[in-house]
Amino acid sequence: MFMQDITRFAATPVTTAPAGLNQGLIDGTLVESAAGWQPVQTLKVGDSVYTLDGGLRRVVALNRREVLPGEPVVQIAGGHLDASSDVMLMPGQGVLLDTVGLMAAPYARVPATTLTACVGATATAAPRRAEVVTPIFAEEEVVWAQSGLLLLCPGVRGGETDFPELHAAAAKLFLTERTRRFA
């Protein structure tokens, strides 16, 4: 996140790393890469992806798994929460939202499942078998997805996040006020 790349010292790039089963981007989600907007499932280790701070960061690992029909997911309709088109996320996927002056911090992080309190986001069941991809970076990063969504991705170093998650009650209050002011 701060212009360091520990992976340049690795002889062989990592191809998989542990990531929470409850997080990840479902195939078809577009991420902004050096090659332009591309479906997350086409990312490869070594590809560079645009991050919140405006820089390109290299993907050092990819966690891949499948979501089966009927598993819980969160559906965000296009035009809501800065998504340009419909997108499905795993319930625990960290999403950063602009606080638009509602808090001292510029962004609030909430799990995707919390967004179901907003218009345009619903808890649902996966309609099909799909690949879930979690890009992993040297350090935690926030990537641009589906044009305007900001999604938190883990780093191989682990440790504390730079974007603490709002507790459920605080997230609900924040989302309610954000919706009230800007709906």
Protein backbone atom coordinates (compact mmCIF):
# COMPACT_ATOMS: atom_id res chain seq x y z
CA MET A 1 0.00 0.00 0.00
CA PHE A 2 2.92 2.34 0.60
CA MET A 3 4.96 1.63 -2.52
CA GLN A 4 6.66 -1.48 -1.14
CA ASP A 5 6.76 -4.74 -3.04
CA ILE A 6 8.07 -7.56 -0.86
CA THR A 7 7.29 -10.06 -3.60
CA ARG A 8 10.15 -8.87 -5.79
CA PHE A 9 12.42 -10.88 -3.50
CA ALA A 10 10.49 -14.12 -3.99
CA ALA A 11 11.97 -16.65 -6.40
CA THR A 12 8.54 -18.10 -7.19
CA PRO A 13 5.35 -16.06 -6.87
CA VAL A 14 2.69 -17.47 -4.59
CA THR A 15 -0.29 -18.93 -6.45
CA THR A 16 -2.71 -19.46 -3.58
CA ALA A 17 -3.04 -18.14 -0.08
CA PRO A 18 -5.62 -18.50 2.65
CA ALA A 19 -8.53 -16.14 2.48
CA GLY A 20 -11.85 -16.16 4.27
CA LEU A 21 -14.48 -18.35 2.69
CA ASN A 22 -17.00 -15.62 3.35
CA GLN A 23 -15.17 -13.00 1.26
CA GLY A 24 -14.32 -12.72 -2.39
CA LEU A 25 -15.49 -11.44 -5.74
CA ILE A 26 -17.77 -13.62 -7.81
CA ASP A 27 -16.86 -14.27 -11.44
CA GLY A 28 -18.01 -11.55 -13.79
CA THR A 29 -17.11 -8.76 -11.35
CA LEU A 30 -15.04 -6.23 -13.27
CA VAL A 31 -11.84 -4.90 -11.68
CA GLU A 32 -9.74 -2.04 -13.03
CA SER A 33 -6.36 -3.39 -14.10
CA ALA A 34 -3.43 -2.05 -16.07
CA ALA A 35 -5.04 -3.73 -19.10
CA GLY A 36 -8.39 -2.00 -18.50
CA TRP A 37 -11.57 -3.32 -16.91
CA GLN A 38 -11.49 -7.10 -16.80
CA PRO A 39 -13.47 -9.89 -15.15
CA VAL A 40 -11.88 -10.89 -11.84
CA GLN A 41 -11.65 -14.54 -12.89
CA THR A 42 -9.20 -13.60 -15.68
CA LEU A 43 -6.64 -12.14 -13.24
CA LYS A 44 -3.31 -13.92 -12.97
CA VAL A 45 -0.50 -13.68 -10.46
CA GLY A 46 1.66 -10.75 -11.58
CA ASP A 47 -1.20 -8.69 -13.06
CA SER A 48 -1.44 -5.12 -11.80
CA VAL A 49 -4.70 -3.70 -10.45
CA TYR A 50 -5.61 -0.09 -9.65
CA THR A 51 -6.08 0.62 -5.96
CA LEU A 52 -7.77 3.31 -3.89
CA ASP A 53 -4.60 5.37 -3.58
CA GLY A 54 -4.42 5.55 -7.37
CA GLY A 55 -1.45 3.26 -7.80
CA LEU A 56 -1.11 -0.02 -9.59
CA ARG A 57 -0.38 -2.97 -7.31
CA ARG A 58 0.73 -6.40 -8.37
CA VAL A 59 -1.43 -9.42 -7.53
CA VAL A 60 0.86 -11.82 -5.65
CA ALA A 61 -1.67 -14.60 -5.06
CA LEU A 62 -5.20 -15.58 -5.99
CA ASN A 63 -7.50 -17.56 -3.76
CA ARG A 64 -10.05 -19.40 -5.89
CA ARG A 65 -13.02 -21.46 -4.82
CA GLU A 66 -16.55 -22.15 -5.99
CA VAL A 67 -19.83 -20.88 -4.67
CA LEU A 68 -22.61 -23.39 -5.15
CA PRO A 69 -26.22 -22.68 -6.05
CA GLY A 70 -28.12 -21.78 -2.90
CA GLU A 71 -25.12 -20.40 -0.97
CA PRO A 72 -25.73 -16.93 0.50
CA VAL A 73 -24.50 -13.96 -1.54
CA VAL A 74 -25.24 -10.24 -1.64
CA GLN A 75 -26.66 -8.83 -4.87
CA ILE A 76 -26.03 -5.13 -5.53
CA ALA A 77 -28.11 -3.66 -8.32
CA GLY A 78 -26.42 -1.49 -10.89
CA GLY A 79 -26.80 2.21 -10.15
CA HIS A 80 -26.63 1.67 -6.39
CA LEU A 81 -23.65 2.15 -4.09
CA ASP A 82 -21.54 3.34 -7.04
CA ALA A 83 -21.83 0.04 -8.94
CA SER A 84 -22.25 0.61 -12.67
CA SER A 85 -24.03 -2.72 -13.17
CA ASP A 86 -25.33 -5.64 -11.12
CA VAL A 87 -22.72 -7.42 -9.03
CA MET A 88 -22.74 -10.34 -6.59
CA LEU A 89 -20.39 -10.41 -3.59
CA MET A 90 -19.72 -12.88 -0.84
CA PRO A 91 -21.43 -11.74 2.40
CA GLY A 92 -18.19 -11.04 4.27
CA GLN A 93 -16.50 -9.10 1.47
CA GLY A 94 -15.29 -5.76 2.86
CA VAL A 95 -16.77 -2.77 1.04
CA LEU A 96 -15.55 0.80 1.55
CA LEU A 97 -18.12 3.56 1.31
CA ASP A 98 -17.42 7.27 1.04
CA THR A 99 -18.59 8.83 4.29
CA VAL A 100 -19.48 12.10 2.53
CA GLY A 101 -18.87 14.14 5.66
CA LEU A 102 -20.87 11.89 8.00
CA MET A 103 -17.74 10.76 9.84
CA ALA A 104 -14.23 12.05 10.46
CA ALA A 105 -12.74 9.21 8.40
CA PRO A 106 -13.13 9.52 4.61
CA TYR A 107 -14.31 5.90 4.25
CA ALA A 108 -16.29 3.42 6.29
CA ARG A 109 -15.76 -0.33 5.82
CA VAL A 110 -18.71 -2.67 6.12
CA PRO A 111 -19.18 -6.30 5.17
CA ALA A 112 -21.32 -6.72 2.05
CA THR A 113 -24.07 -8.37 4.08
CA THR A 114 -24.58 -5.11 6.02
CA LEU A 115 -25.42 -3.34 2.76
CA THR A 116 -28.72 -5.21 2.61
CA ALA A 117 -30.06 -2.40 4.84
CA CYS A 118 -29.70 -0.13 1.77
CA VAL A 119 -31.94 0.22 -1.23
CA GLY A 120 -30.44 -1.76 -4.12
CA ALA A 121 -28.64 -4.43 -2.08
CA THR A 122 -30.29 -7.73 -1.17
CA ALA A 123 -29.28 -10.92 0.55
CA THR A 124 -30.02 -13.77 -1.80
CA ALA A 125 -28.88 -17.24 -2.80
CA ALA A 126 -26.34 -17.84 -5.54
CA PRO A 127 -28.38 -18.72 -8.64
CA ARG A 128 -25.59 -20.76 -10.23
CA ARG A 129 -22.24 -22.37 -9.59
CA ALA A 130 -19.63 -19.65 -9.86
CA GLU A 131 -15.98 -19.05 -9.17
CA VAL A 132 -15.10 -16.83 -6.21
CA VAL A 133 -11.77 -15.04 -6.62
CA THR A 134 -9.91 -13.16 -3.90
CA PRO A 135 -6.95 -11.17 -5.27
CA ILE A 136 -4.18 -11.04 -2.67
CA PHE A 137 -1.50 -8.35 -2.61
CA ALA A 138 1.78 -7.85 -0.74
CA GLU A 139 -0.17 -5.61 1.66
CA GLU A 140 -3.88 -5.09 2.11
CA GLU A 141 -5.33 -3.06 -0.76
CA VAL A 142 -8.66 -1.58 -1.79
CA VAL A 143 -9.46 -2.17 -5.47
CA TRP A 144 -11.90 -0.53 -7.84
CA ALA A 145 -14.61 -2.90 -9.03
CA GLN A 146 -17.69 -2.57 -11.22
CA SER A 147 -16.67 1.03 -11.98
CA GLY A 148 -17.26 2.56 -8.54
CA LEU A 149 -17.27 -0.07 -5.80
CA LEU A 150 -14.28 -0.10 -3.47
CA LEU A 151 -13.49 -3.63 -2.28
CA LEU A 152 -10.98 -4.61 0.38
CA CYS A 153 -8.50 -7.33 -0.59
CA PRO A 154 -6.09 -9.02 1.83
CA GLY A 155 -2.32 -8.86 1.86
CA VAL A 156 0.10 -11.73 2.44
CA ARG A 157 1.55 -9.92 5.44
CA GLY A 158 -1.75 -10.01 7.33
CA GLY A 159 -1.93 -7.95 10.49
CA GLU A 160 -4.30 -5.15 11.37
CA THR A 161 -6.33 -3.48 8.69
CA ASP A 162 -5.99 0.17 7.79
CA PHE A 163 -9.79 0.22 7.42
CA PRO A 164 -11.48 -0.94 10.62
CA GLU A 165 -14.94 -2.37 10.08
CA LEU A 166 -17.96 -0.62 11.56
CA HIS A 167 -19.76 -2.75 14.14
CA ALA A 168 -23.25 -3.85 13.10
CA ALA A 169 -25.12 -1.17 15.09
CA ALA A 170 -22.80 1.63 13.92
CA ALA A 171 -22.97 0.41 10.33
CA LYS A 172 -26.77 0.39 10.42
CA LEU A 173 -26.86 3.97 11.76
CA PHE A 174 -24.30 5.12 9.19
CA LEU A 175 -26.17 3.49 6.28
CA THR A 176 -29.51 4.85 7.45
CA GLU A 177 -28.16 8.40 7.67
CA ARG A 178 -26.29 8.08 4.36
CA THR A 179 -29.46 6.88 2.64
CA ARG A 180 -31.58 9.60 4.29
CA ARG A 181 -29.23 12.37 3.15
CA PHE A 182 -28.50 11.19 -0.34
CA ALA A 183 -31.47 9.10 -1.48
